[in-house]
Amino acid sequence: MPNRGSGSSTIDEFWSTVAELALNGPQPTRSRWHRKGMTQRGERIFNVASSVVIMLIAAGWAWSISIARSEGNSSLTRGTRMISRALTDARAPSVSFLTDAALEFVSPLRGESGRLRASIQGRGEAVAEHALPSGTTATFSSGAAAESTKVLAAPSRTGIWSMAIALGTAIKPITDFSVITLMPATEKRRGRIGLYYIGNWPTRGGRVSEKYAAPSGFIEVTRETQNTQLSDHFRLRDFLPHDQQNVWPKYVVVDMKMVDKLELVLTDLASRGIPSRGVRVMSGFRTPQYNSGQGDTGGRASLSRHMYGDGSDIFIDNDGNGNMDDLNRDGRVNIGDARVILAAVNRVEAAHPSLIGGCGVYSGTSAHGPFTHIDTRGHPARW
């Protein structure tokens, strides 16, 4: 027999080992291969050999990728680069890491209720107090526009933005939360932004408190973005003024602390057997011009909290008839049902002092049923 080189001997020894493993292992149960005429011994050898071939291919692929990376090969596809990094870089991001980073980023923005789904910011303002985990980037997108930041700053343009957290080539979208950047109030000209008439905020003699200062910016609302979810129960459209129905975009003010308080009130009511699915906002934001002269102005204060975005009038309409439900179950719908909501507001403010504010109850009229006003003016007020 001719003398073979050491390379051939090594291969012969390898396949002899494969055959020995196949013959000495436990006997497989009968399979489809037996019906094709293959013996159990042949099947065993085939299975072990196939597994070894697959492992060799995987090892060779990983080795070739590693060599390409070390040589700076730019021809690698994005998918290959991601696999390469996962195989060769111990710092490669994992889905669980990015999920944790996303939760850490968003959780403080969900309010005391835990139900907020948006954060309202001035353009370029810090979105959160804490920094992103080292190496991660927040990416904001709105239609075709996109911006990225490593310091948790809001986008530099007005809009409603979805977010994702990225680390290297891995990315984790945050699917149920938006960052809303404001149109600066300096864009208002003669009481208007574009075609939308806002008016001017009233002034008070002497020093104006922060709570009565004119807003520094407005949310731009289009037909498409009016359905943006602000919280579990409320959308942007719930707080739009009732005038200028056909003028778009609209420019409004909404205080997320007020939305947070509303969610807590609904949670309190639900804990007492009053479902919140039928909550209705009868009146949300009012422009100064609307507050002073549009619709039924009865009961409106000249410095109404509605103009500052932190006041709203609500009622519970679970049966869908357009009117307040019989919340106290006395067989009548009247101001007593509005007081059920007032009691929930009192409990919420006792548990969450940072959301303290005003609450008033109103009887029904020929134009509307009873309702409850809720705001976060910063000091208690009842009427």
Protein backbone atom coordinates (compact mmCIF):
# COMPACT_ATOMS: atom_id res chain seq x y z
CA MET A 1 0.00 0.00 0.00
CA PRO A 2 1.49 3.40 -0.86
CA ASN A 3 2.59 5.60 1.98
CA ARG A 4 0.16 8.51 2.54
CA GLY A 5 1.02 11.90 3.99
CA SER A 6 0.24 12.99 7.54
CA GLY A 7 -2.70 15.11 6.28
CA SER A 8 -4.42 12.05 4.85
CA SER A 9 -3.71 10.09 8.03
CA THR A 10 -5.35 12.80 10.10
CA ILE A 11 -8.46 12.75 7.93
CA ASP A 12 -8.61 8.93 8.08
CA GLU A 13 -8.34 9.04 11.85
CA PHE A 14 -11.10 11.70 12.01
CA TRP A 15 -13.57 9.66 9.96
CA SER A 16 -12.65 6.50 11.89
CA THR A 17 -13.60 8.35 15.07
CA VAL A 18 -16.89 9.46 13.48
CA ALA A 19 -17.67 5.87 12.49
CA GLU A 20 -16.82 4.60 15.97
CA LEU A 21 -19.13 7.17 17.60
CA ALA A 22 -21.90 6.26 15.23
CA LEU A 23 -21.58 2.53 15.89
CA ASN A 24 -21.22 2.73 19.67
CA GLY A 25 -23.99 5.28 20.31
CA PRO A 26 -27.56 4.35 21.25
CA GLN A 27 -29.55 2.79 18.43
CA PRO A 28 -32.09 5.15 16.87
CA THR A 29 -35.74 4.28 16.49
CA ARG A 30 -36.92 3.33 13.04
CA SER A 31 -37.30 6.35 10.73
CA ARG A 32 -38.12 7.26 7.16
CA TRP A 33 -34.56 6.34 6.15
CA HIS A 34 -35.26 2.67 6.92
CA ARG A 35 -38.10 2.70 4.43
CA LYS A 36 -35.56 3.91 1.82
CA GLY A 37 -33.38 0.85 2.42
CA MET A 38 -30.77 2.43 4.75
CA THR A 39 -29.62 0.30 7.68
CA GLN A 40 -29.60 1.63 11.23
CA ARG A 41 -25.80 1.59 11.15
CA GLY A 42 -25.74 3.62 7.94
CA GLU A 43 -28.24 6.10 9.28
CA ARG A 44 -26.19 6.59 12.44
CA ILE A 45 -23.04 7.31 10.45
CA PHE A 46 -24.96 9.68 8.16
CA ASN A 47 -26.42 11.67 11.09
CA VAL A 48 -23.11 12.10 12.91
CA ALA A 49 -21.24 13.00 9.72
CA SER A 50 -23.90 15.58 8.76
CA SER A 51 -23.68 17.23 12.18
CA VAL A 52 -19.89 17.44 11.91
CA VAL A 53 -20.09 18.99 8.42
CA ILE A 54 -22.56 21.64 9.65
CA MET A 55 -20.30 22.49 12.60
CA LEU A 56 -17.29 22.80 10.29
CA ILE A 57 -19.21 25.14 7.96
CA ALA A 58 -20.30 27.33 10.89
CA ALA A 59 -16.77 27.46 12.28
CA GLY A 60 -15.35 28.34 8.87
CA TRP A 61 -17.95 31.10 8.37
CA ALA A 62 -17.20 32.64 11.76
CA TRP A 63 -13.46 32.45 11.08
CA SER A 64 -13.78 34.09 7.64
CA ILE A 65 -15.96 36.89 9.04
CA SER A 66 -13.47 37.50 11.83
CA ILE A 67 -10.59 37.72 9.33
CA ALA A 68 -12.58 40.10 7.12
CA ARG A 69 -13.31 42.37 10.07
CA SER A 70 -9.67 42.42 11.17
CA GLU A 71 -8.68 43.44 7.63
CA GLY A 72 -11.30 46.19 7.51
CA ASN A 73 -13.32 44.59 4.71
CA SER A 74 -16.05 47.12 3.91
CA SER A 75 -17.84 44.78 1.49
CA LEU A 76 -19.56 42.89 4.29
CA THR A 77 -23.33 43.25 4.31
CA ARG A 78 -25.09 44.87 7.27
CA GLY A 79 -26.50 41.49 8.33
CA THR A 80 -23.05 39.88 8.16
CA ARG A 81 -21.57 42.72 10.22
CA MET A 82 -24.25 42.23 12.90
CA ILE A 83 -23.59 38.46 13.05
CA SER A 84 -19.87 39.11 13.07
CA ARG A 85 -20.16 41.48 15.98
CA ALA A 86 -22.32 39.06 17.95
CA LEU A 87 -19.73 36.28 17.38
CA THR A 88 -16.58 38.28 18.08
CA ASP A 89 -17.45 41.24 20.33
CA ALA A 90 -18.23 40.54 23.97
CA ARG A 91 -19.75 44.02 24.26
CA ALA A 92 -22.31 43.38 21.50
CA PRO A 93 -25.77 44.66 22.53
CA SER A 94 -28.53 42.24 23.31
CA VAL A 95 -32.27 42.65 22.93
CA SER A 96 -32.69 42.46 26.69
CA PHE A 97 -30.15 45.23 27.24
CA LEU A 98 -31.88 47.57 24.79
CA THR A 99 -35.29 46.69 26.25
CA ASP A 100 -34.00 47.63 29.70
CA ALA A 101 -32.53 50.87 28.31
CA ALA A 102 -35.85 51.74 26.66
CA LEU A 103 -37.76 51.10 29.89
CA GLU A 104 -35.27 53.16 31.89
CA PHE A 105 -35.67 56.01 29.42
CA VAL A 106 -39.47 56.03 29.16
CA SER A 107 -40.66 55.00 32.64
CA PRO A 108 -40.08 58.42 34.32
CA LEU A 109 -42.02 60.07 31.47
CA ARG A 110 -45.18 58.03 32.03
CA GLY A 111 -46.25 60.22 34.95
CA GLU A 112 -47.55 59.33 38.38
CA SER A 113 -50.38 57.36 36.79
CA GLY A 114 -47.97 55.31 34.67
CA ARG A 115 -50.41 55.83 31.78
CA LEU A 116 -48.89 58.72 29.83
CA ARG A 117 -47.85 58.00 26.26
CA ALA A 118 -46.27 61.31 25.28
CA SER A 119 -43.85 63.94 26.49
CA ILE A 120 -44.20 67.58 25.37
CA GLN A 121 -40.95 69.52 24.98
CA GLY A 122 -39.54 72.70 23.57
CA ARG A 123 -37.34 72.11 20.55
CA GLY A 124 -33.92 70.89 21.65
CA GLU A 125 -34.91 70.65 25.34
CA ALA A 126 -33.79 67.77 27.54
CA VAL A 127 -36.34 64.97 27.42
CA ALA A 128 -35.35 63.35 30.71
CA GLU A 129 -33.15 64.14 33.69
CA HIS A 130 -30.96 61.04 33.47
CA ALA A 131 -28.57 60.17 30.66
CA LEU A 132 -28.86 57.28 28.27
CA PRO A 133 -26.79 54.17 29.06
CA SER A 134 -23.24 54.48 27.80
CA GLY A 135 -22.91 54.03 24.06
CA THR A 136 -26.63 54.22 23.29
CA THR A 137 -28.36 56.75 21.06
CA ALA A 138 -31.96 57.98 20.97
CA THR A 139 -33.32 58.18 17.42
CA PHE A 140 -36.43 60.25 16.65
CA SER A 141 -38.45 59.94 13.45
CA SER A 142 -41.44 61.82 12.05
CA GLY A 143 -42.43 60.91 8.51
CA ALA A 144 -39.33 61.33 6.38
CA ALA A 145 -37.53 63.38 9.04
CA ALA A 146 -35.14 61.79 11.53
CA GLU A 147 -32.77 63.01 14.24
CA SER A 148 -30.45 61.24 16.66
CA THR A 149 -29.01 62.32 19.99
CA LYS A 150 -26.79 60.89 22.70
CA VAL A 151 -27.85 63.42 25.35
CA LEU A 152 -31.62 62.86 25.39
CA ALA A 153 -32.47 66.19 23.78
CA ALA A 154 -35.76 66.61 21.92
CA PRO A 155 -35.59 67.07 18.13
CA SER A 156 -34.74 70.54 16.85
CA ARG A 157 -37.86 70.71 14.66
CA THR A 158 -41.55 71.00 15.49
CA GLY A 159 -43.41 67.72 15.21
CA ILE A 160 -44.67 64.52 16.79
CA TRP A 161 -41.87 62.00 16.91
CA SER A 162 -41.61 58.26 17.46
CA MET A 163 -38.50 56.97 19.21
CA ALA A 164 -36.03 54.13 19.25
CA ILE A 165 -32.97 53.31 21.33
CA ALA A 166 -29.90 52.18 19.37
CA LEU A 167 -26.56 50.66 20.32
CA GLY A 168 -24.22 49.84 17.50
CA THR A 169 -26.24 48.06 14.84
CA ALA A 170 -29.01 46.95 17.22
CA ILE A 171 -32.15 49.04 17.67
CA LYS A 172 -35.21 48.88 19.97
CA PRO A 173 -38.30 50.86 18.85
CA ILE A 174 -40.49 52.37 21.57
CA THR A 175 -43.84 51.73 19.99
CA ASP A 176 -46.28 53.30 22.47
CA PHE A 177 -44.67 56.64 23.27
CA SER A 178 -44.19 59.94 21.41
CA VAL A 179 -42.11 63.06 21.93
CA ILE A 180 -43.98 66.20 20.87
CA THR A 181 -41.91 69.28 20.11
CA LEU A 182 -43.59 72.68 20.25
CA MET A 183 -43.94 75.44 17.72
CA PRO A 184 -42.41 78.49 19.47
CA ALA A 185 -44.90 81.20 20.42
CA THR A 186 -42.64 83.68 18.64
CA GLU A 187 -44.09 82.31 15.37
CA LYS A 188 -47.45 83.90 16.23
CA ARG A 189 -48.19 86.99 14.14
CA ARG A 190 -51.14 89.27 14.92
CA GLY A 191 -52.74 86.54 16.95
CA ARG A 192 -52.30 83.84 14.29
CA ILE A 193 -50.01 81.02 13.33
CA GLY A 194 -50.65 80.43 9.67
CA LEU A 195 -54.41 80.46 9.15
CA TYR A 196 -55.22 79.42 12.69
CA TYR A 197 -56.44 82.27 14.88
CA ILE A 198 -55.35 82.02 18.52
CA GLY A 199 -55.65 85.53 19.92
CA ASN A 200 -53.63 87.00 22.76
CA TRP A 201 -53.47 86.08 26.41
CA PRO A 202 -54.84 88.63 28.87
CA THR A 203 -52.40 90.52 31.03
CA ARG A 204 -52.72 91.22 34.73
CA GLY A 205 -51.49 94.29 36.53
CA GLY A 206 -48.14 93.95 38.28
CA ARG A 207 -46.02 90.80 38.26
CA VAL A 208 -47.51 87.90 36.27
CA SER A 209 -47.21 84.51 37.97
CA GLU A 210 -45.80 81.61 35.99
CA LYS A 211 -49.22 79.92 35.99
CA TYR A 212 -50.74 82.89 34.14
CA ALA A 213 -47.90 83.57 31.72
CA ALA A 214 -48.67 83.17 28.03
CA PRO A 215 -47.56 79.77 26.67
CA SER A 216 -44.05 79.58 25.27
CA GLY A 217 -45.09 77.21 22.50
CA PHE A 218 -47.92 75.27 20.86
CA ILE A 219 -48.53 71.71 19.71
CA GLU A 220 -49.03 71.67 15.96
CA VAL A 221 -51.98 69.36 15.21
CA THR A 222 -52.77 68.16 11.70
CA ARG A 223 -55.61 65.99 10.45
CA GLU A 224 -53.18 63.06 10.54
CA THR A 225 -51.69 63.67 13.98
CA GLN A 226 -54.89 64.56 15.86
CA ASN A 227 -55.23 60.90 16.87
CA THR A 228 -51.87 60.85 18.63
CA GLN A 229 -52.28 59.05 21.95
CA LEU A 230 -51.39 61.28 24.92
CA SER A 231 -52.30 58.63 27.48
CA ASP A 232 -54.21 55.38 27.74
CA HIS A 233 -57.60 57.16 27.55
CA PHE A 234 -56.91 60.47 25.80
CA ARG A 235 -55.81 61.62 22.35
CA LEU A 236 -54.81 65.05 21.09
CA ARG A 237 -58.18 65.49 19.41
CA ASP A 238 -59.93 65.29 22.81
CA PHE A 239 -58.49 68.67 23.78
CA LEU A 240 -58.99 70.65 20.55
CA PRO A 241 -61.10 73.84 20.67
CA HIS A 242 -64.55 73.61 19.08
CA ASP A 243 -64.13 76.52 16.67
CA GLN A 244 -62.32 76.76 13.30
CA GLN A 245 -63.30 73.19 12.47
CA ASN A 246 -61.91 73.26 8.93
CA VAL A 247 -58.65 75.08 9.65
CA TRP A 248 -55.53 72.88 9.74
CA PRO A 249 -53.03 72.72 11.23
CA LYS A 250 -54.31 73.83 14.63
CA TYR A 251 -52.09 75.07 17.46
CA VAL A 252 -53.00 74.04 21.00
CA VAL A 253 -51.66 73.86 24.55
CA VAL A 254 -51.95 70.70 26.66
CA ASP A 255 -50.33 70.22 30.07
CA MET A 256 -49.36 66.57 30.58
CA LYS A 257 -49.70 66.93 34.37
CA MET A 258 -53.39 67.57 33.81
CA VAL A 259 -53.64 64.47 31.59
CA ASP A 260 -51.81 62.49 34.28
CA LYS A 261 -54.33 63.68 36.88
CA LEU A 262 -57.26 62.70 34.67
CA GLU A 263 -55.84 59.19 34.32
CA LEU A 264 -55.48 58.87 38.10
CA VAL A 265 -59.09 60.01 38.57
CA LEU A 266 -60.27 57.37 36.10
CA THR A 267 -58.24 54.71 37.90
CA ASP A 268 -59.79 55.75 41.20
CA LEU A 269 -63.31 55.57 39.73
CA ALA A 270 -62.63 52.17 38.18
CA SER A 271 -61.50 50.85 41.59
CA ARG A 272 -64.98 51.76 42.84
CA GLY A 273 -66.81 49.97 40.08
CA ILE A 274 -67.22 52.89 37.65
CA PRO A 275 -65.74 51.98 34.24
CA SER A 276 -63.71 54.69 32.52
CA ARG A 277 -64.00 53.57 28.89
CA GLY A 278 -66.71 56.20 28.25
CA VAL A 279 -64.84 59.25 29.52
CA ARG A 280 -65.55 62.34 27.39
CA VAL A 281 -63.78 65.70 27.35
CA MET A 282 -66.49 68.30 26.93
CA SER A 283 -64.01 71.17 26.80
CA GLY A 284 -60.22 71.02 26.72
CA PHE A 285 -57.92 73.74 25.47
CA ARG A 286 -59.50 77.09 24.59
CA THR A 287 -57.73 79.79 22.65
CA PRO A 288 -58.11 83.24 24.21
CA GLN A 289 -60.36 84.36 21.38
CA TYR A 290 -62.61 81.30 21.79
CA ASN A 291 -62.72 81.63 25.58
CA SER A 292 -63.83 85.25 25.37
CA GLY A 293 -66.46 85.16 22.68
CA GLN A 294 -67.27 81.80 21.06
CA GLY A 295 -69.97 79.33 21.99
CA ASP A 296 -71.70 79.42 25.38
CA THR A 297 -69.49 81.71 27.48
CA GLY A 298 -71.51 81.27 30.66
CA GLY A 299 -69.30 80.29 33.60
CA ARG A 300 -66.03 81.01 31.78
CA ALA A 301 -63.43 82.92 33.74
CA SER A 302 -61.42 85.59 31.94
CA LEU A 303 -58.30 83.75 33.14
CA SER A 304 -59.70 80.27 32.61
CA ARG A 305 -57.25 77.43 33.10
CA HIS A 306 -58.47 76.07 29.77
CA MET A 307 -56.41 78.79 28.06
CA TYR A 308 -53.26 77.50 29.74
CA GLY A 309 -53.79 73.88 28.79
CA ASP A 310 -54.10 72.51 32.32
CA GLY A 311 -57.88 72.50 32.67
CA SER A 312 -60.58 70.28 31.22
CA ASP A 313 -64.27 69.52 31.69
CA ILE A 314 -65.16 65.83 31.66
CA PHE A 315 -68.09 63.47 32.15
CA ILE A 316 -68.47 59.69 32.09
CA ASP A 317 -70.69 58.33 29.33
CA ASN A 318 -70.33 54.54 29.31
CA ASP A 319 -73.76 53.99 27.78
CA GLY A 320 -72.93 56.26 24.83
CA ASN A 321 -75.99 58.52 25.00
CA GLY A 322 -73.91 61.72 24.99
CA ASN A 323 -74.70 62.57 28.61
CA MET A 324 -73.31 61.90 32.09
CA ASP A 325 -74.11 58.46 33.48
CA ASP A 326 -75.87 57.83 36.78
CA LEU A 327 -72.61 57.42 38.66
CA ASN A 328 -74.09 57.45 42.18
CA ARG A 329 -76.83 55.01 41.13
CA ASP A 330 -79.69 57.02 42.59
CA GLY A 331 -81.81 56.70 39.46
CA ARG A 332 -81.21 60.29 38.35
CA VAL A 333 -78.57 62.13 36.32
CA ASN A 334 -77.74 65.45 37.93
CA ILE A 335 -75.01 67.39 39.71
CA GLY A 336 -74.75 64.57 42.24
CA ASP A 337 -73.05 62.46 39.59
CA ALA A 338 -70.52 65.25 38.93
CA ARG A 339 -69.76 65.16 42.66
CA VAL A 340 -68.79 61.49 42.37
CA ILE A 341 -65.93 62.63 40.12
CA LEU A 342 -65.14 65.44 42.57
CA ALA A 343 -64.73 62.86 45.36
CA ALA A 344 -62.26 60.96 43.17
CA VAL A 345 -60.33 64.19 42.54
CA ASN A 346 -60.09 64.78 46.29
CA ARG A 347 -58.65 61.32 46.84
CA VAL A 348 -56.16 61.70 43.98
CA GLU A 349 -54.91 65.07 45.24
CA ALA A 350 -54.45 63.66 48.75
CA ALA A 351 -52.28 60.88 47.33
CA HIS A 352 -50.50 63.04 44.71
CA PRO A 353 -49.89 66.58 46.07
CA SER A 354 -47.88 67.57 42.99
CA LEU A 355 -51.12 67.44 40.97
CA ILE A 356 -53.18 69.65 43.24
CA GLY A 357 -55.50 72.15 41.60
CA GLY A 358 -59.08 73.16 41.00
CA CYS A 359 -62.26 71.14 40.72
CA GLY A 360 -65.78 72.40 40.09
CA VAL A 361 -69.13 70.67 39.54
CA TYR A 362 -71.78 71.88 37.11
CA SER A 363 -75.44 71.07 36.63
CA GLY A 364 -76.88 70.09 33.29
CA THR A 365 -78.55 72.62 31.01
CA SER A 366 -80.57 72.41 27.81
CA ALA A 367 -77.23 72.37 25.93
CA HIS A 368 -75.34 69.76 27.97
CA GLY A 369 -75.55 67.41 30.92
CA PRO A 370 -73.71 67.74 34.25
CA PHE A 371 -69.91 67.70 34.17
CA THR A 372 -66.85 68.19 36.35
CA HIS A 373 -64.01 70.65 35.78
CA ILE A 374 -60.49 69.45 36.73
CA ASP A 375 -57.23 71.41 36.57
CA THR A 376 -53.68 71.47 37.94
CA ARG A 377 -53.32 75.16 38.77
CA GLY A 378 -50.97 74.40 41.69
CA HIS A 379 -53.23 75.34 44.62
CA PRO A 380 -56.57 73.91 45.80
CA ALA A 381 -59.78 75.47 44.56
CA ARG A 382 -63.33 74.13 44.78
CA TRP A 383 -66.67 75.42 43.53
